[in-house]
Amino acid sequence: MLKFVAIDVGSNALRLVLSHVFEGQNGPSFKRETLLRVPIRLGEDVFTLGEISDHKSGQLRKTMLAFRQLIDVFEPDGYMACATSAMRDAANGPELIAQIQAEAGIALETIAGSFEAELIFACHVAETLEPHLHYLYIDVGGGSTELAVFSEGELLNAVSFNIGTVRSLHEKIAEAEWERLSQWLSANTSPEYPTQGIGSGGNINKVYKLSERKDKKYIKLHHLQNWHAKLSPLSFDQRIEQFALKPDRADVIVPALEIYQFIMQAAHLERIYVPQLGLADGMIHYLYEGRRKKQKQ
C-alpha cells in the first residue's frame, strides 16, 4: 500500500487530498481517505487587484502550515502541491510561494494551464468507458477552464482558457477568450464523429448530486439548462436556503452552468459523465505513475 498527498491551490478554494493506493492483480485501486477544502478565494483579489491581498496571503500561509501538519501525520510516500490560475496571474505569487516554502516546507509549484489539463486527464476516466469514442474532459474552475481531448488511449490535445467562475462574477473574462474557446472546440470536436464529455470540478459535482442521478453516471445538457433556470433567478441567500449550497458555491454555480452549457453546445455534446473527480485526484494518479516509472528504471 502506498500513500500520496495532493494540494490544489485554486482560485476559489484550497484542497488537500490524502489518498491510499492499493496495488492488486487487476491494477492499482485509488482510495481517497480525506478531502479538506478551505474556501479562501484567491481569485477574488487577483482578478480585480492583480495581486493577493495581505489578508488572503495570511489565510493562505496559515492554511499551508495546517496542511503541513496533516502531511506529517499521514506520512505519505510522496506529495504534490500545485497552484493554478489565480497564482499564475498574481504579481506577488512568486513571493508568496517562497514564503510558503520557508514557513511550511511545502514546495508549491505554479503550473501552466496546459499541464493542469494534463493532470486532470491523468485520472484516465475515459479508459473505463467505451474505448472507441472521443472524449472531451471539461474542468471548470474559479479562474480557468481546462479542456483535454482523449481518443483510443491517447491524449490528443490539452489546453487552458482564462474563463472561470470567479472571473465571471467580477466580469473579468475577455470576449476574445470566449472566441478562442469557440474556435478550439470547433477545431477539436465535430458532429461527424461521436464525442462524449467528462466533467470535473466542484460545481458540476454539485449539480450532479442535486440532480439525484445516482443510477446514471452522466447528466444531460437539458439537466444543466433546467438547473440554470432554477438557480439564476434566486438570490444568494435563497440558493443557500433552498438547495443547501455552501456560501462559496452559491454564487459561482450559475456562471459554472453557463460555461458548461457553452462548451457542450459548441462541442455538440448531449451529455457528460461526472466521475466526481478533480485536479487533486489527477495529481494523486500522476504521483503514483511517476513512482512506478522510477521503479521500472
Foldseek 3Di string as FASTA:
>chain_A
DFWEWEWEAEQFKIKIWIWDWDQDPVGIDIDTDDIDIGGLRQNLCCLVPQAGDPVSLVVVLVVLQVVLVVCVVSVGPYYAAEYEDSLVRHPCNVVSQVVSCVRRVDNYYYDDLQVLLVLFCLVVPCVVDDQQAKEWEWEAAAQKIKIWIDHNHDTDGIDIFRDHLVCVVVVRHDPVRLVVLLVVLLVRADPVGDYAYAYEDDLVVLLVVVVVPPVDQKDFLVSLVVVLVVQVVDDLVCCCVVVVDDSSRSRRNNSVSVVVNSSCVSRVYGMYGYPHDHSRSSSVSVVVVVVVVVVVD
